[in-house]
PDB file of N, CA and C in Angstrom:
ATOM      1  N   MET A   1     109.655  92.869 166.604  1.00  0.00           N
ATOM      2  CA  MET A   1     108.377  92.713 165.707  1.00  0.00           C
ATOM      3  C   MET A   1     107.239  93.767 166.123  1.00  0.00           C
ATOM      4  N   LYS A   2     107.155  94.399 167.239  1.00  0.00           N
ATOM      5  CA  LYS A   2     106.286  95.353 167.329  1.00  0.00           C
ATOM      6  C   LYS A   2     106.562  96.573 166.537  1.00  0.00           C
ATOM      7  N   ARG A   3     107.717  97.029 166.410  1.00  0.00           N
ATOM      8  CA  ARG A   3     108.011  98.127 165.477  1.00  0.00           C
ATOM      9  C   ARG A   3     107.761  97.711 164.054  1.00  0.00           C
ATOM     10  N   ILE A   4     108.220  96.627 163.447  1.00  0.00           N
ATOM     11  CA  ILE A   4     107.640  96.268 162.322  1.00  0.00           C
ATOM     12  C   ILE A   4     106.305  96.127 161.608  1.00  0.00           C
ATOM     13  N   TRP A   5     105.296  95.937 162.802  1.00  0.00           N
ATOM     14  CA  TRP A   5     103.768  95.906 162.797  1.00  0.00           C
ATOM     15  C   TRP A   5     103.779  97.217 162.901  1.00  0.00           C
ATOM     16  N   GLN A   6     104.119  98.124 163.567  1.00  0.00           N
ATOM     17  CA  GLN A   6     103.767  99.675 163.621  1.00  0.00           C
ATOM     18  C   GLN A   6     104.130 100.380 162.370  1.00  0.00           C
ATOM     19  N   TYR A   7     105.201  99.929 161.641  1.00  0.00           N
ATOM     20  CA  TYR A   7     105.505 100.391 160.597  1.00  0.00           C
ATOM     21  C   TYR A   7     104.457 100.183 159.377  1.00  0.00           C
ATOM     22  N   LEU A   8     104.309  98.748 159.239  1.00  0.00           N
ATOM     23  CA  LEU A   8     103.405  98.341 158.140  1.00  0.00           C
ATOM     24  C   LEU A   8     101.954  98.985 158.391  1.00  0.00           C
ATOM     25  N   ALA A   9     101.513  98.881 159.782  1.00  0.00           N
ATOM     26  CA  ALA A   9     100.092  99.742 159.805  1.00  0.00           C
ATOM     27  C   ALA A   9     100.072 101.300 159.643  1.00  0.00           C
ATOM     28  N   GLY A  10     101.226 101.926 159.610  1.00  0.00           N
ATOM     29  CA  GLY A  10     101.175 103.267 159.419  1.00  0.00           C
ATOM     30  C   GLY A  10     101.454 103.440 157.872  1.00  0.00           C
ATOM     31  N   HIS A  11     101.995 102.222 157.250  1.00  0.00           N
ATOM     32  CA  HIS A  11     101.995 102.756 155.819  1.00  0.00           C
ATOM     33  C   HIS A  11     100.726 102.251 155.214  1.00  0.00           C
ATOM     34  N   MET A  12      99.872 101.592 155.895  1.00  0.00           N
ATOM     35  CA  MET A  12      98.709 100.883 155.357  1.00  0.00           C
ATOM     36  C   MET A  12      97.791 102.355 155.336  1.00  0.00           C
ATOM     37  N   ARG A  13      97.705 102.679 156.611  1.00  0.00           N
ATOM     38  CA  ARG A  13      97.082 104.075 156.660  1.00  0.00           C
ATOM     39  C   ARG A  13      97.158 105.280 156.086  1.00  0.00           C
ATOM     40  N   ALA A  14      98.716 105.451 155.580  1.00  0.00           N
ATOM     41  CA  ALA A  14      98.792 106.678 154.836  1.00  0.00           C
ATOM     42  C   ALA A  14      98.633 106.147 153.369  1.00  0.00           C
ATOM     43  N   ASN A  15      98.885 105.066 153.000  1.00  0.00           N
ATOM     44  CA  ASN A  15      98.766 104.413 151.308  1.00  0.00           C
ATOM     45  C   ASN A  15      97.932 103.643 150.900  1.00  0.00           C
ATOM     46  N   TYR A  16      96.781 103.593 151.871  1.00  0.00           N
ATOM     47  CA  TYR A  16      95.802 102.492 151.546  1.00  0.00           C
ATOM     48  C   TYR A  16      95.113 102.967 150.201  1.00  0.00           C
ATOM     49  N   ASP A  17      94.996 101.992 149.140  1.00  0.00           N
ATOM     50  CA  ASP A  17      94.229 102.349 148.038  1.00  0.00           C
ATOM     51  C   ASP A  17      93.494 101.097 147.468  1.00  0.00           C
ATOM     52  N   ALA A  18      91.799 101.213 147.765  1.00  0.00           N
ATOM     53  CA  ALA A  18      91.367  99.639 147.436  1.00  0.00           C
ATOM     54  C   ALA A  18      91.518  99.218 145.873  1.00  0.00           C
ATOM     55  N   ARG A  19      91.497 100.085 144.989  1.00  0.00           N
ATOM     56  CA  ARG A  19      91.680 100.032 143.683  1.00  0.00           C
ATOM     57  C   ARG A  19      93.227  99.364 143.568  1.00  0.00           C
ATOM     58  N   LEU A  20      94.297  99.825 144.252  1.00  0.00           N
ATOM     59  CA  LEU A  20      95.457  99.232 143.701  1.00  0.00           C
ATOM     60  C   LEU A  20      95.355  97.721 144.418  1.00  0.00           C
ATOM     61  N   TYR A  21      95.193  97.586 145.496  1.00  0.00           N
ATOM     62  CA  TYR A  21      94.986  96.078 146.202  1.00  0.00           C
ATOM     63  C   TYR A  21      94.231  95.295 145.695  1.00  0.00           C
ATOM     64  N   GLY A  22      93.030  95.961 144.964  1.00  0.00           N
ATOM     65  CA  GLY A  22      92.230  94.935 144.073  1.00  0.00           C
ATOM     66  C   GLY A  22      92.962  94.353 142.967  1.00  0.00           C
ATOM     67  N   LEU A  23      93.600  95.492 142.219  1.00  0.00           N
ATOM     68  CA  LEU A  23      94.170  95.300 141.023  1.00  0.00           C
ATOM     69  C   LEU A  23      95.220  94.079 141.482  1.00  0.00           C
ATOM     70  N   THR A  24      96.087  94.281 142.142  1.00  0.00           N
ATOM     71  CA  THR A  24      97.076  93.505 142.819  1.00  0.00           C
ATOM     72  C   THR A  24      96.564  92.068 143.285  1.00  0.00           C
ATOM     73  N   LEU A  25      95.514  92.022 143.718  1.00  0.00           N
ATOM     74  CA  LEU A  25      94.736  90.773 143.820  1.00  0.00           C
ATOM     75  C   LEU A  25      94.275  89.890 142.481  1.00  0.00           C
ATOM     76  N   ALA A  26      93.929  90.877 141.695  1.00  0.00           N
ATOM     77  CA  ALA A  26      93.383  90.298 140.203  1.00  0.00           C
ATOM     78  C   ALA A  26      94.614  89.936 139.751  1.00  0.00           C
ATOM     79  N   MET A  27      95.609  90.671 139.880  1.00  0.00           N
ATOM     80  CA  MET A  27      96.960  89.902 139.002  1.00  0.00           C
ATOM     81  C   MET A  27      97.473  88.863 139.444  1.00  0.00           C
ATOM     82  N   LEU A  28      97.453  88.721 140.630  1.00  0.00           N
ATOM     83  CA  LEU A  28      97.912  87.312 141.390  1.00  0.00           C
ATOM     84  C   LEU A  28      96.783  86.438 141.165  1.00  0.00           C
ATOM     85  N   ALA A  29      95.675  86.583 141.428  1.00  0.00           N
ATOM     86  CA  ALA A  29      94.702  85.639 140.793  1.00  0.00           C
ATOM     87  C   ALA A  29      95.042  84.964 139.294  1.00  0.00           C
ATOM     88  N   LEU A  30      95.179  86.151 138.620  1.00  0.00           N
ATOM     89  CA  LEU A  30      95.498  85.468 136.971  1.00  0.00           C
ATOM     90  C   LEU A  30      96.500  84.852 136.789  1.00  0.00           C
ATOM     91  N   ALA A  31      97.674  85.563 137.353  1.00  0.00           N
ATOM     92  CA  ALA A  31      98.859  84.652 137.471  1.00  0.00           C
ATOM     93  C   ALA A  31      98.670  82.898 137.999  1.00  0.00           C
ATOM     94  N   LEU A  32      98.061  82.980 139.061  1.00  0.00           N
ATOM     95  CA  LEU A  32      97.861  81.615 139.363  1.00  0.00           C
ATOM     96  C   LEU A  32      96.952  80.711 138.268  1.00  0.00           C
ATOM     97  N   ILE A  33      95.931  81.331 137.841  1.00  0.00           N
ATOM     98  CA  ILE A  33      95.105  80.625 137.127  1.00  0.00           C
ATOM     99  C   ILE A  33      95.924  80.278 136.066  1.00  0.00           C
ATOM    100  N   LEU A  34      96.674  80.989 135.323  1.00  0.00           N
ATOM    101  CA  LEU A  34      97.454  80.678 133.886  1.00  0.00           C
ATOM    102  C   LEU A  34      98.416  79.690 134.260  1.00  0.00           C
ATOM    103  N   ASN A  35      98.981  79.977 135.563  1.00  0.00           N
ATOM    104  CA  ASN A  35     100.047  78.869 135.950  1.00  0.00           C
ATOM    105  C   ASN A  35      99.771  77.491 135.895  1.00  0.00           C
ATOM    106  N   TYR A  36      98.238  77.433 136.516  1.00  0.00           N
ATOM    107  CA  TYR A  36      97.985  75.577 136.757  1.00  0.00           C
ATOM    108  C   TYR A  36      97.131  75.445 135.560  1.00  0.00           C
ATOM    109  N   ARG A  37      96.394  76.268 134.635  1.00  0.00           N
ATOM    110  CA  ARG A  37      96.148  76.271 133.651  1.00  0.00           C
ATOM    111  C   ARG A  37      96.919  75.621 132.283  1.00  0.00           C
ATOM    112  N   TYR A  38      98.101  75.983 132.124  1.00  0.00           N
ATOM    113  CA  TYR A  38      99.044  75.961 131.215  1.00  0.00           C
ATOM    114  C   TYR A  38     100.515  75.244 131.667  1.00  0.00           C
ATOM    115  N   ASP A  39     100.383  75.145 133.271  1.00  0.00           N
ATOM    116  CA  ASP A  39     101.535  74.430 133.862  1.00  0.00           C
ATOM    117  C   ASP A  39     102.589  75.070 133.489  1.00  0.00           C
ATOM    118  N   LEU A  40     102.844  76.090 133.482  1.00  0.00           N
ATOM    119  CA  LEU A  40     103.950  77.174 133.102  1.00  0.00           C
ATOM    120  C   LEU A  40     105.329  76.673 133.847  1.00  0.00           C
ATOM    121  N   HIS A  41     105.177  76.131 134.849  1.00  0.00           N
ATOM    122  CA  HIS A  41     106.173  76.062 135.767  1.00  0.00           C
ATOM    123  C   HIS A  41     107.072  74.739 135.455  1.00  0.00           C
ATOM    124  N   ASP A  42     105.996  73.731 135.442  1.00  0.00           N
ATOM    125  CA  ASP A  42     106.699  72.591 134.668  1.00  0.00           C
ATOM    126  C   ASP A  42     107.013  72.170 133.328  1.00  0.00           C
ATOM    127  N   ARG A  43     106.178  72.826 132.410  1.00  0.00           N
ATOM    128  CA  ARG A  43     106.298  72.728 131.132  1.00  0.00           C
ATOM    129  C   ARG A  43     107.307  73.915 130.468  1.00  0.00           C
ATOM    130  N   TYR A  44     107.598  74.771 131.081  1.00  0.00           N
ATOM    131  CA  TYR A  44     108.747  75.794 130.317  1.00  0.00           C
ATOM    132  C   TYR A  44     109.853  76.135 131.283  1.00  0.00           C
ATOM    133  N   LEU A  45     109.833  76.316 132.599  1.00  0.00           N
ATOM    134  CA  LEU A  45     111.126  76.808 133.440  1.00  0.00           C
ATOM    135  C   LEU A  45     111.776  75.693 133.627  1.00  0.00           C
ATOM    136  N   ASP A  46     110.996  74.511 133.954  1.00  0.00           N
ATOM    137  CA  ASP A  46     112.006  73.386 134.186  1.00  0.00           C
ATOM    138  C   ASP A  46     112.605  72.712 132.848  1.00  0.00           C
ATOM    139  N   ARG A  47     112.550  73.434 131.856  1.00  0.00           N
ATOM    140  CA  ARG A  47     113.321  72.917 130.541  1.00  0.00           C
ATOM    141  C   ARG A  47     114.262  73.718 130.330  1.00  0.00           C
ATOM    142  N   ILE A  48     114.167  75.060 130.914  1.00  0.00           N
ATOM    143  CA  ILE A  48     115.460  76.019 130.759  1.00  0.00           C
ATOM    144  C   ILE A  48     116.842  75.657 131.113  1.00  0.00           C
ATOM    145  N   PRO A  49     117.740  75.469 130.640  1.00  0.00           N
ATOM    146  CA  PRO A  49     118.942  75.006 131.042  1.00  0.00           C
ATOM    147  C   PRO A  49     119.979  76.014 131.498  1.00  0.00           C
ATOM    148  N   GLY A  50     120.772  75.576 132.419  1.00  0.00           N
ATOM    149  CA  GLY A  50     121.838  76.223 133.289  1.00  0.00           C
ATOM    150  C   GLY A  50     121.280  77.639 133.724  1.00  0.00           C
ATOM    151  N   MET A  51     121.936  78.682 133.912  1.00  0.00           N
ATOM    152  CA  MET A  51     121.756  79.677 134.264  1.00  0.00           C
ATOM    153  C   MET A  51     120.562  80.549 133.803  1.00  0.00           C
ATOM    154  N   LEU A  52     120.132  80.213 132.620  1.00  0.00           N
ATOM    155  CA  LEU A  52     119.016  80.929 132.132  1.00  0.00           C
ATOM    156  C   LEU A  52     117.648  80.541 132.907  1.00  0.00           C
ATOM    157  N   ARG A  53     117.918  79.464 133.364  1.00  0.00           N
ATOM    158  CA  ARG A  53     116.692  78.901 134.674  1.00  0.00           C
ATOM    159  C   ARG A  53     116.450  80.096 135.684  1.00  0.00           C
ATOM    160  N   VAL A  54     117.492  80.580 136.301  1.00  0.00           N
ATOM    161  CA  VAL A  54     117.490  81.355 137.573  1.00  0.00           C
ATOM    162  C   VAL A  54     116.774  83.068 136.927  1.00  0.00           C
ATOM    163  N   ALA A  55     117.285  83.252 135.608  1.00  0.00           N
ATOM    164  CA  ALA A  55     116.869  84.455 134.795  1.00  0.00           C
ATOM    165  C   ALA A  55     114.912  84.173 134.746  1.00  0.00           C
ATOM    166  N   GLY A  56     114.750  82.964 134.197  1.00  0.00           N
ATOM    167  CA  GLY A  56     113.407  82.684 133.995  1.00  0.00           C
ATOM    168  C   GLY A  56     112.694  82.427 135.436  1.00  0.00           C
ATOM    169  N   TYR A  57     113.227  82.032 136.197  1.00  0.00           N
ATOM    170  CA  TYR A  57     112.443  82.043 137.593  1.00  0.00           C
ATOM    171  C   TYR A  57     112.335  83.645 138.205  1.00  0.00           C
ATOM    172  N   MET A  58     113.336  84.555 137.780  1.00  0.00           N
ATOM    173  CA  MET A  58     113.229  85.724 138.438  1.00  0.00           C
ATOM    174  C   MET A  58     112.271  86.497 137.679  1.00  0.00           C
ATOM    175  N   VAL A  59     111.928  86.328 136.388  1.00  0.00           N
ATOM    176  CA  VAL A  59     111.033  87.050 135.599  1.00  0.00           C
ATOM    177  C   VAL A  59     109.530  86.520 135.861  1.00  0.00           C
ATOM    178  N   TYR A  60     109.769  85.160 136.083  1.00  0.00           N
ATOM    179  CA  TYR A  60     108.265  84.620 136.414  1.00  0.00           C
ATOM    180  C   TYR A  60     107.687  84.795 137.533  1.00  0.00           C
ATOM    181  N   TYR A  61     108.623  85.046 138.643  1.00  0.00           N
ATOM    182  CA  TYR A  61     108.271  85.166 140.030  1.00  0.00           C
ATOM    183  C   TYR A  61     107.783  86.386 140.160  1.00  0.00           C
ATOM    184  N   SER A  62     108.284  87.502 139.669  1.00  0.00           N
ATOM    185  CA  SER A  62     108.521  88.739 139.683  1.00  0.00           C
ATOM    186  C   SER A  62     107.443  89.686 138.907  1.00  0.00           C
ATOM    187  N   ALA A  63     106.690  89.196 137.768  1.00  0.00           N
ATOM    188  CA  ALA A  63     106.186  89.930 136.737  1.00  0.00           C
ATOM    189  C   ALA A  63     104.867  90.425 137.320  1.00  0.00           C
ATOM    190  N   VAL A  64     104.299  89.892 138.194  1.00  0.00           N
ATOM    191  CA  VAL A  64     103.052  90.721 138.941  1.00  0.00           C
ATOM    192  C   VAL A  64     103.565  91.893 139.558  1.00  0.00           C
ATOM    193  N   TYR A  65     104.553  91.694 140.247  1.00  0.00           N
ATOM    194  CA  TYR A  65     104.927  92.870 140.966  1.00  0.00           C
ATOM    195  C   TYR A  65     105.203  94.469 140.157  1.00  0.00           C
ATOM    196  N   TYR A  66     106.341  93.865 139.020  1.00  0.00           N
ATOM    197  CA  TYR A  66     106.903  95.048 138.195  1.00  0.00           C
ATOM    198  C   TYR A  66     105.384  95.317 137.411  1.00  0.00           C
ATOM    199  N   VAL A  67     104.633  94.695 136.897  1.00  0.00           N
ATOM    200  CA  VAL A  67     103.415  95.221 136.340  1.00  0.00           C
ATOM    201  C   VAL A  67     102.707  96.063 137.384  1.00  0.00           C
ATOM    202  N   VAL A  68     102.398  95.893 138.414  1.00  0.00           N
ATOM    203  CA  VAL A  68     101.602  96.483 139.307  1.00  0.00           C
ATOM    204  C   VAL A  68     102.427  98.039 139.728  1.00  0.00           C
ATOM    205  N   VAL A  69     103.752  97.914 139.877  1.00  0.00           N
ATOM    206  CA  VAL A  69     104.385  99.137 140.153  1.00  0.00           C
ATOM    207  C   VAL A  69     104.622  99.829 138.755  1.00  0.00           C
ATOM    208  N   ALA A  70     104.818  99.375 137.907  1.00  0.00           N
ATOM    209  CA  ALA A  70     104.504 100.282 136.296  1.00  0.00           C
ATOM    210  C   ALA A  70     103.164 100.763 136.399  1.00  0.00           C
ATOM    211  N   ILE A  71     101.899 100.112 136.875  1.00  0.00           N
ATOM    212  CA  ILE A  71     100.750 100.832 136.766  1.00  0.00           C
ATOM    213  C   ILE A  71     100.717 102.110 137.622  1.00  0.00           C
ATOM    214  N   ILE A  72     101.199 101.923 138.904  1.00  0.00           N
ATOM    215  CA  ILE A  72     101.327 102.950 139.758  1.00  0.00           C
ATOM    216  C   ILE A  72     102.106 103.858 139.080  1.00  0.00           C
ATOM    217  N   ARG A  73     103.258 103.546 138.677  1.00  0.00           N
ATOM    218  CA  ARG A  73     104.208 104.472 138.184  1.00  0.00           C
ATOM    219  C   ARG A  73     103.566 105.401 137.255  1.00  0.00           C
ATOM    220  N   PHE A  74     103.011 105.172 136.179  1.00  0.00           N
ATOM    221  CA  PHE A  74     102.459 105.642 134.815  1.00  0.00           C
ATOM    222  C   PHE A  74     101.066 106.178 135.059  1.00  0.00           C
ATOM    223  N   THR A  75     100.422 105.587 136.320  1.00  0.00           N
ATOM    224  CA  THR A  75      98.911 106.483 136.535  1.00  0.00           C
ATOM    225  C   THR A  75      98.624 107.169 137.493  1.00  0.00           C
ATOM    226  N   GLN A  76      99.586 107.320 138.540  1.00  0.00           N
ATOM    227  CA  GLN A  76      99.339 108.050 139.640  1.00  0.00           C
ATOM    228  C   GLN A  76     100.777 108.715 139.987  1.00  0.00           C
ATOM    229  N   ASP A  77     100.535 109.856 140.999  1.00  0.00           N
ATOM    230  CA  ASP A  77     101.872 110.465 141.184  1.00  0.00           C
ATOM    231  C   ASP A  77     101.998 110.083 142.565  1.00  0.00           C
ATOM    232  N   ARG A  78     102.806 108.822 142.380  1.00  0.00           N
ATOM    233  CA  ARG A  78     103.138 107.949 143.323  1.00  0.00           C
ATOM    234  C   ARG A  78     104.678 107.521 143.520  1.00  0.00           C
ATOM    235  N   ASP A  79     105.719 108.611 142.760  1.00  0.00           N
ATOM    236  CA  ASP A  79     106.863 108.326 142.939  1.00  0.00           C
ATOM    237  C   ASP A  79     107.872 108.199 144.147  1.00  0.00           C
ATOM    238  N   ALA A  80     107.431 108.796 145.290  1.00  0.00           N
ATOM    239  CA  ALA A  80     107.918 108.588 146.494  1.00  0.00           C
ATOM    240  C   ALA A  80     107.688 107.505 146.917  1.00  0.00           C
ATOM    241  N   VAL A  81     106.330 106.640 146.529  1.00  0.00           N
ATOM    242  CA  VAL A  81     106.256 105.613 147.125  1.00  0.00           C
ATOM    243  C   VAL A  81     107.060 104.296 146.760  1.00  0.00           C
ATOM    244  N   VAL A  82     107.065 104.533 145.223  1.00  0.00           N
ATOM    245  CA  VAL A  82     107.510 103.497 144.310  1.00  0.00           C
ATOM    246  C   VAL A  82     109.128 103.604 144.585  1.00  0.00           C
ATOM    247  N   LEU A  83     109.839 104.509 144.253  1.00  0.00           N
ATOM    248  CA  LEU A  83     111.031 105.137 144.213  1.00  0.00           C
ATOM    249  C   LEU A  83     111.851 105.005 145.180  1.00  0.00           C
ATOM    250  N   THR A  84     111.453 105.348 146.373  1.00  0.00           N
ATOM    251  CA  THR A  84     112.346 105.478 147.618  1.00  0.00           C
ATOM    252  C   THR A  84     111.452 104.754 148.600  1.00  0.00           C
ATOM    253  N   ILE A  85     111.864 104.274 149.769  1.00  0.00           N
ATOM    254  CA  ILE A  85     111.437 103.567 151.043  1.00  0.00           C
ATOM    255  C   ILE A  85     112.162 104.324 152.349  1.00  0.00           C
ATOM    256  N   ALA A  86     111.666 104.877 152.777  1.00  0.00           N
ATOM    257  CA  ALA A  86     112.117 105.141 154.183  1.00  0.00           C
ATOM    258  C   ALA A  86     111.729 104.393 155.312  1.00  0.00           C
ATOM    259  N   PHE A  87     112.992 104.033 156.081  1.00  0.00           N
ATOM    260  CA  PHE A  87     112.896 102.947 157.326  1.00  0.00           C
ATOM    261  C   PHE A  87     113.238 103.761 158.590  1.00  0.00           C
ATOM    262  N   GLY A  88     112.443 103.515 159.493  1.00  0.00           N
ATOM    263  CA  GLY A  88     112.893 104.348 160.643  1.00  0.00           C
ATOM    264  C   GLY A  88     112.059 104.982 161.196  1.00  0.00           C
TER     265      GLY A  88
END
């Protein structure tokens, strides 16, 4: 557990960008607001039949992550951060 914490702390020190974390927080807040305002989960996702529901859940729960990754990818020179992860 200590090694994981050290890895995360080192990553935060090396890659901290307040704008990026602020954008991520804003996107998550927007996703939560839209979810509760329009009841996306119960109104739309629960009505999808069969295996398409799994795809719907994947899109629904990963959309914020992929939007932020796309913004990083196309606005900054962060290919190494986005495309490769070094463990150890």
